[in-house]
N, C-alpha and C. Protein backbone atom coordinates (compact mmCIF):
# COMPACT_ATOMS: atom_id res chain seq x y z
N MET A 1 21.50 -57.51 -57.90
CA MET A 1 22.84 -57.92 -58.28
C MET A 1 23.86 -57.17 -57.45
N LYS A 2 24.99 -57.80 -57.18
CA LYS A 2 26.05 -57.14 -56.44
C LYS A 2 27.35 -57.26 -57.20
N TRP A 3 28.06 -56.14 -57.27
CA TRP A 3 29.39 -56.16 -57.84
C TRP A 3 30.33 -55.55 -56.81
N PHE A 4 31.17 -56.33 -56.23
CA PHE A 4 32.18 -55.89 -55.27
C PHE A 4 31.54 -55.10 -54.13
N GLY A 5 30.43 -55.60 -53.60
CA GLY A 5 29.81 -54.96 -52.45
C GLY A 5 28.90 -53.80 -52.78
N ILE A 6 28.78 -53.42 -54.06
CA ILE A 6 27.92 -52.31 -54.44
C ILE A 6 26.63 -52.89 -55.02
N VAL A 7 25.52 -52.45 -54.52
CA VAL A 7 24.23 -52.93 -55.02
C VAL A 7 23.87 -52.14 -56.26
N TRP A 8 23.46 -52.84 -57.33
CA TRP A 8 23.11 -52.17 -58.57
C TRP A 8 21.68 -51.69 -58.50
N SER A 9 21.45 -50.48 -58.94
CA SER A 9 20.10 -49.92 -59.04
C SER A 9 20.07 -49.04 -60.27
N PRO A 10 18.90 -48.64 -60.74
CA PRO A 10 18.84 -47.76 -61.92
C PRO A 10 19.62 -46.47 -61.70
N MET A 11 19.65 -45.96 -60.47
CA MET A 11 20.37 -44.71 -60.23
C MET A 11 21.87 -44.89 -60.38
N THR A 12 22.40 -46.02 -59.90
CA THR A 12 23.85 -46.22 -60.06
C THR A 12 24.17 -46.43 -61.52
N GLY A 13 23.22 -47.01 -62.28
CA GLY A 13 23.42 -47.18 -63.72
C GLY A 13 23.48 -45.82 -64.42
N LEU A 14 22.64 -44.87 -63.97
CA LEU A 14 22.65 -43.53 -64.56
C LEU A 14 23.93 -42.78 -64.22
N LEU A 15 24.45 -43.03 -63.05
CA LEU A 15 25.67 -42.33 -62.64
C LEU A 15 26.87 -42.78 -63.45
N ASN A 16 26.83 -43.99 -63.97
CA ASN A 16 27.97 -44.52 -64.71
C ASN A 16 27.91 -44.20 -66.20
N LEU A 17 26.84 -43.50 -66.68
CA LEU A 17 26.71 -43.18 -68.10
C LEU A 17 27.55 -41.96 -68.46
N SER A 18 27.94 -41.94 -69.73
CA SER A 18 28.70 -40.78 -70.20
C SER A 18 27.74 -39.63 -70.47
N THR A 19 28.28 -38.43 -70.60
CA THR A 19 27.43 -37.26 -70.84
C THR A 19 26.73 -37.36 -72.19
N ALA A 20 27.36 -37.96 -73.16
CA ALA A 20 26.74 -38.09 -74.49
C ALA A 20 25.51 -38.99 -74.39
N LYS A 21 25.63 -40.09 -73.65
CA LYS A 21 24.49 -41.00 -73.49
C LYS A 21 23.36 -40.31 -72.71
N LEU A 22 23.71 -39.55 -71.67
CA LEU A 22 22.69 -38.84 -70.90
C LEU A 22 21.94 -37.83 -71.77
N LYS A 23 22.70 -37.12 -72.63
CA LYS A 23 22.07 -36.15 -73.53
C LYS A 23 21.12 -36.86 -74.49
N ARG A 24 21.51 -38.03 -74.96
CA ARG A 24 20.67 -38.81 -75.88
C ARG A 24 19.38 -39.27 -75.17
N ILE A 25 19.52 -39.68 -73.89
CA ILE A 25 18.35 -40.10 -73.11
C ILE A 25 17.38 -38.94 -72.94
N VAL A 26 17.92 -37.75 -72.62
CA VAL A 26 17.07 -36.57 -72.43
C VAL A 26 16.36 -36.23 -73.74
N ALA A 27 17.08 -36.29 -74.86
CA ALA A 27 16.48 -35.98 -76.16
C ALA A 27 15.36 -36.96 -76.49
N LEU A 28 15.58 -38.26 -76.22
CA LEU A 28 14.55 -39.26 -76.49
C LEU A 28 13.31 -39.04 -75.61
N LYS A 29 13.55 -38.67 -74.36
CA LYS A 29 12.43 -38.40 -73.45
C LYS A 29 11.61 -37.23 -73.95
N GLN A 30 12.27 -36.16 -74.40
CA GLN A 30 11.55 -35.00 -74.93
C GLN A 30 10.77 -35.38 -76.18
N GLN A 31 11.36 -36.21 -77.01
CA GLN A 31 10.70 -36.65 -78.24
C GLN A 31 9.43 -37.46 -77.90
N ILE A 32 9.55 -38.30 -76.90
CA ILE A 32 8.40 -39.11 -76.48
C ILE A 32 7.29 -38.20 -75.97
N GLU A 33 7.64 -37.17 -75.19
CA GLU A 33 6.63 -36.24 -74.66
C GLU A 33 5.94 -35.48 -75.77
N LYS A 34 6.72 -35.05 -76.80
CA LYS A 34 6.13 -34.33 -77.93
C LYS A 34 5.16 -35.24 -78.69
N LEU A 35 5.57 -36.48 -78.93
CA LEU A 35 4.70 -37.42 -79.65
C LEU A 35 3.43 -37.72 -78.85
N SER A 36 3.58 -37.80 -77.54
CA SER A 36 2.43 -38.05 -76.68
C SER A 36 1.45 -36.88 -76.76
N ALA A 37 1.97 -35.65 -76.78
CA ALA A 37 1.12 -34.47 -76.90
C ALA A 37 0.40 -34.47 -78.24
N LYS A 38 1.09 -34.83 -79.32
CA LYS A 38 0.47 -34.89 -80.65
C LYS A 38 -0.64 -35.95 -80.66
N LEU A 39 -0.37 -37.06 -80.03
CA LEU A 39 -1.36 -38.14 -79.95
C LEU A 39 -2.61 -37.67 -79.22
N GLU A 40 -2.42 -36.88 -78.17
CA GLU A 40 -3.57 -36.36 -77.42
C GLU A 40 -4.41 -35.45 -78.30
N THR A 41 -3.77 -34.58 -79.07
CA THR A 41 -4.54 -33.67 -79.92
C THR A 41 -5.26 -34.43 -81.03
N LEU A 42 -4.63 -35.47 -81.57
CA LEU A 42 -5.27 -36.27 -82.61
C LEU A 42 -6.44 -37.07 -82.05
N ALA A 43 -6.31 -37.55 -80.83
CA ALA A 43 -7.36 -38.35 -80.22
C ALA A 43 -8.54 -37.47 -79.82
N GLY A 44 -8.35 -36.17 -79.80
CA GLY A 44 -9.44 -35.25 -79.50
C GLY A 44 -9.74 -35.16 -78.02
N GLY A 45 -8.86 -34.62 -77.28
CA GLY A 45 -9.10 -34.46 -75.85
C GLY A 45 -7.84 -34.76 -75.07
N SER A 46 -8.04 -34.83 -73.81
CA SER A 46 -6.88 -35.09 -72.95
C SER A 46 -6.78 -36.58 -72.71
N ALA A 47 -5.78 -37.18 -73.27
CA ALA A 47 -5.52 -38.60 -73.02
C ALA A 47 -4.76 -38.71 -71.72
N SER A 48 -4.88 -39.85 -71.08
CA SER A 48 -4.18 -40.03 -69.81
C SER A 48 -2.68 -40.16 -70.07
N PRO A 49 -1.87 -39.75 -69.13
CA PRO A 49 -0.42 -39.84 -69.31
C PRO A 49 0.02 -41.30 -69.45
N VAL A 50 1.16 -41.45 -70.09
CA VAL A 50 1.68 -42.78 -70.36
C VAL A 50 2.01 -43.48 -69.04
N GLY A 51 1.60 -44.73 -68.91
CA GLY A 51 1.98 -45.52 -67.75
C GLY A 51 0.89 -45.62 -66.70
N ARG A 52 0.02 -44.65 -66.56
CA ARG A 52 -0.99 -44.68 -65.51
C ARG A 52 -2.31 -44.13 -66.06
N PRO A 53 -3.36 -44.90 -65.98
CA PRO A 53 -4.65 -44.41 -66.48
C PRO A 53 -5.20 -43.31 -65.56
N ALA A 54 -5.96 -42.41 -66.13
CA ALA A 54 -6.54 -41.32 -65.35
C ALA A 54 -7.57 -41.88 -64.38
N LYS A 55 -7.56 -41.38 -63.16
CA LYS A 55 -8.48 -41.85 -62.15
C LYS A 55 -9.75 -41.01 -62.22
N LYS A 56 -10.89 -41.69 -62.40
CA LYS A 56 -12.15 -40.99 -62.50
C LYS A 56 -12.68 -40.70 -61.10
N LYS A 57 -13.12 -39.45 -60.89
CA LYS A 57 -13.67 -39.09 -59.58
C LYS A 57 -15.06 -39.68 -59.48
N TRP A 58 -15.31 -40.39 -58.39
CA TRP A 58 -16.59 -41.06 -58.21
C TRP A 58 -17.46 -40.20 -57.33
N THR A 59 -18.64 -39.84 -57.86
CA THR A 59 -19.56 -39.02 -57.09
C THR A 59 -20.90 -39.73 -56.98
N MET A 60 -21.67 -39.33 -55.99
CA MET A 60 -22.98 -39.93 -55.79
C MET A 60 -24.00 -38.80 -55.70
N SER A 61 -25.16 -39.04 -56.25
CA SER A 61 -26.20 -38.02 -56.22
C SER A 61 -26.76 -37.89 -54.81
N ALA A 62 -27.42 -36.77 -54.57
CA ALA A 62 -28.02 -36.54 -53.25
C ALA A 62 -29.12 -37.55 -52.98
N SER A 63 -29.87 -37.92 -54.00
CA SER A 63 -30.94 -38.90 -53.80
C SER A 63 -30.35 -40.27 -53.46
N GLY A 64 -29.23 -40.61 -54.08
CA GLY A 64 -28.56 -41.88 -53.77
C GLY A 64 -28.10 -41.93 -52.33
N ARG A 65 -27.50 -40.81 -51.86
CA ARG A 65 -27.06 -40.73 -50.46
C ARG A 65 -28.25 -40.82 -49.52
N ALA A 66 -29.36 -40.18 -49.90
CA ALA A 66 -30.56 -40.20 -49.05
C ALA A 66 -31.11 -41.62 -48.94
N LYS A 67 -31.09 -42.37 -50.05
CA LYS A 67 -31.58 -43.75 -50.03
C LYS A 67 -30.71 -44.61 -49.11
N ILE A 68 -29.41 -44.44 -49.20
CA ILE A 68 -28.49 -45.22 -48.35
C ILE A 68 -28.70 -44.86 -46.88
N ALA A 69 -28.87 -43.57 -46.58
CA ALA A 69 -29.09 -43.13 -45.21
C ALA A 69 -30.40 -43.71 -44.67
N ALA A 70 -31.45 -43.70 -45.50
CA ALA A 70 -32.75 -44.24 -45.07
C ALA A 70 -32.64 -45.74 -44.79
N ALA A 71 -31.91 -46.45 -45.64
CA ALA A 71 -31.74 -47.90 -45.44
C ALA A 71 -30.96 -48.17 -44.15
N ALA A 72 -29.94 -47.37 -43.87
CA ALA A 72 -29.15 -47.56 -42.65
C ALA A 72 -30.02 -47.30 -41.42
N LYS A 73 -30.83 -46.24 -41.47
CA LYS A 73 -31.71 -45.94 -40.34
C LYS A 73 -32.71 -47.07 -40.12
N ALA A 74 -33.21 -47.63 -41.22
CA ALA A 74 -34.17 -48.74 -41.10
C ALA A 74 -33.50 -49.96 -40.45
N ARG A 75 -32.24 -50.23 -40.85
CA ARG A 75 -31.51 -51.36 -40.25
C ARG A 75 -31.34 -51.15 -38.75
N TRP A 76 -30.94 -49.94 -38.35
CA TRP A 76 -30.74 -49.66 -36.93
C TRP A 76 -32.06 -49.75 -36.17
N ALA A 77 -33.14 -49.26 -36.77
CA ALA A 77 -34.44 -49.33 -36.10
C ALA A 77 -34.83 -50.78 -35.87
N LYS A 78 -34.56 -51.63 -36.86
CA LYS A 78 -34.88 -53.06 -36.74
C LYS A 78 -34.07 -53.70 -35.61
N VAL A 79 -32.80 -53.35 -35.51
CA VAL A 79 -31.94 -53.90 -34.46
C VAL A 79 -32.43 -53.46 -33.09
N HIS A 80 -32.75 -52.16 -32.98
CA HIS A 80 -33.19 -51.64 -31.67
C HIS A 80 -34.58 -52.17 -31.30
N ALA A 81 -35.42 -52.44 -32.28
CA ALA A 81 -36.75 -52.97 -31.99
C ALA A 81 -36.64 -54.40 -31.47
N ALA A 82 -35.66 -55.15 -31.99
CA ALA A 82 -35.48 -56.54 -31.59
C ALA A 82 -34.89 -56.65 -30.18
N ALA A 83 -34.22 -55.61 -29.72
CA ALA A 83 -33.60 -55.65 -28.39
C ALA A 83 -34.68 -55.66 -27.32
N LYS A 84 -34.55 -56.55 -26.33
CA LYS A 84 -35.54 -56.67 -25.27
C LYS A 84 -35.34 -55.55 -24.25
N PRO A 85 -36.43 -55.03 -23.72
CA PRO A 85 -36.28 -53.99 -22.69
C PRO A 85 -35.71 -54.61 -21.41
N ALA A 86 -35.01 -53.80 -20.65
CA ALA A 86 -34.40 -54.30 -19.41
C ALA A 86 -35.48 -54.74 -18.43
N LYS A 87 -35.21 -55.83 -17.71
CA LYS A 87 -36.17 -56.33 -16.72
C LYS A 87 -36.27 -55.34 -15.57
N LYS A 88 -37.49 -55.23 -15.03
CA LYS A 88 -37.70 -54.34 -13.90
C LYS A 88 -37.03 -54.94 -12.68
N LYS A 89 -36.33 -54.10 -11.97
CA LYS A 89 -35.61 -54.55 -10.79
C LYS A 89 -36.60 -54.90 -9.68
N ARG A 90 -36.41 -56.06 -9.10
CA ARG A 90 -37.33 -56.49 -8.03
C ARG A 90 -36.95 -55.78 -6.74
N THR A 91 -37.97 -55.36 -6.03
CA THR A 91 -37.72 -54.69 -4.76
C THR A 91 -38.26 -55.55 -3.62
N MET A 92 -37.77 -55.28 -2.44
CA MET A 92 -38.14 -56.06 -1.27
C MET A 92 -38.92 -55.14 -0.32
N SER A 93 -39.92 -55.68 0.29
CA SER A 93 -40.71 -54.87 1.23
C SER A 93 -39.88 -54.59 2.47
N ALA A 94 -40.29 -53.55 3.20
CA ALA A 94 -39.57 -53.17 4.41
C ALA A 94 -39.67 -54.27 5.47
N ALA A 95 -40.81 -54.95 5.53
CA ALA A 95 -41.00 -56.03 6.52
C ALA A 95 -40.04 -57.19 6.22
N ALA A 96 -39.90 -57.51 4.94
CA ALA A 96 -39.02 -58.62 4.56
C ALA A 96 -37.57 -58.28 4.89
N ARG A 97 -37.19 -57.02 4.63
CA ARG A 97 -35.82 -56.60 4.95
C ARG A 97 -35.57 -56.67 6.45
N ALA A 98 -36.54 -56.26 7.22
CA ALA A 98 -36.40 -56.29 8.69
C ALA A 98 -36.26 -57.73 9.18
N LYS A 99 -37.02 -58.63 8.58
CA LYS A 99 -36.97 -60.04 8.97
C LYS A 99 -35.58 -60.63 8.69
N ILE A 100 -35.03 -60.32 7.51
CA ILE A 100 -33.69 -60.82 7.13
C ILE A 100 -32.64 -60.22 8.06
N ALA A 101 -32.75 -58.93 8.36
CA ALA A 101 -31.78 -58.28 9.25
C ALA A 101 -31.81 -58.90 10.63
N ALA A 102 -33.02 -59.22 11.11
CA ALA A 102 -33.15 -59.84 12.45
C ALA A 102 -32.50 -61.22 12.46
N ALA A 103 -32.70 -61.98 11.37
CA ALA A 103 -32.09 -63.31 11.28
C ALA A 103 -30.57 -63.20 11.27
N ALA A 104 -30.04 -62.19 10.55
CA ALA A 104 -28.59 -62.00 10.49
C ALA A 104 -28.05 -61.64 11.87
N ARG A 105 -28.76 -60.78 12.58
CA ARG A 105 -28.31 -60.40 13.94
C ARG A 105 -28.27 -61.62 14.85
N GLU A 106 -29.28 -62.49 14.73
CA GLU A 106 -29.31 -63.71 15.56
C GLU A 106 -28.11 -64.61 15.25
N ARG A 107 -27.83 -64.77 13.95
CA ARG A 107 -26.68 -65.62 13.56
C ARG A 107 -25.39 -65.07 14.14
N TRP A 108 -25.18 -63.74 14.00
CA TRP A 108 -23.95 -63.14 14.51
C TRP A 108 -23.89 -63.22 16.04
N ALA A 109 -25.02 -63.13 16.68
CA ALA A 109 -25.04 -63.25 18.15
C ALA A 109 -24.59 -64.64 18.56
N LYS A 110 -25.04 -65.65 17.81
CA LYS A 110 -24.61 -67.04 18.09
C LYS A 110 -23.11 -67.18 17.89
N VAL A 111 -22.58 -66.58 16.82
CA VAL A 111 -21.14 -66.67 16.53
C VAL A 111 -20.35 -66.02 17.66
N ARG A 112 -20.78 -64.84 18.10
CA ARG A 112 -20.07 -64.15 19.19
C ARG A 112 -20.16 -64.94 20.51
N ALA A 113 -21.32 -65.54 20.76
CA ALA A 113 -21.50 -66.32 21.98
C ALA A 113 -20.60 -67.54 21.96
N ALA A 114 -20.45 -68.19 20.77
CA ALA A 114 -19.59 -69.35 20.67
C ALA A 114 -18.13 -68.95 20.83
N LYS A 115 -17.80 -67.76 20.42
CA LYS A 115 -16.44 -67.27 20.53
C LYS A 115 -16.05 -67.00 21.98
N LYS A 116 -16.98 -66.52 22.78
CA LYS A 116 -16.71 -66.21 24.19
C LYS A 116 -16.49 -67.46 25.02
N LYS A 117 -17.13 -68.56 24.67
CA LYS A 117 -17.00 -69.82 25.43
C LYS A 117 -15.67 -70.44 25.35
């Protein structure tokens, strides 16, 4: 909501209250806290604060963690086992390389001879 260019928020609402109203709000808040404390003692233990439930810490046993780790290792082993080994690189004999080099020299000799003409 806007009133004359001022945006309304709970804080601006608090700023416009009289001191008597503010004192009444503080007194009511203290009363609520006292009643909440009494409720906790009657309920037998620590009840969660009003508005937000207590967050339970989640823990896992060592055996549970070990089972999960073993399952993860098994999954990775399966993936790596399925991977094919790299193909062996083919090599060329020295005679074959010499033959190819000789053919290349002949081709370039022809190119140079054609260039001179």
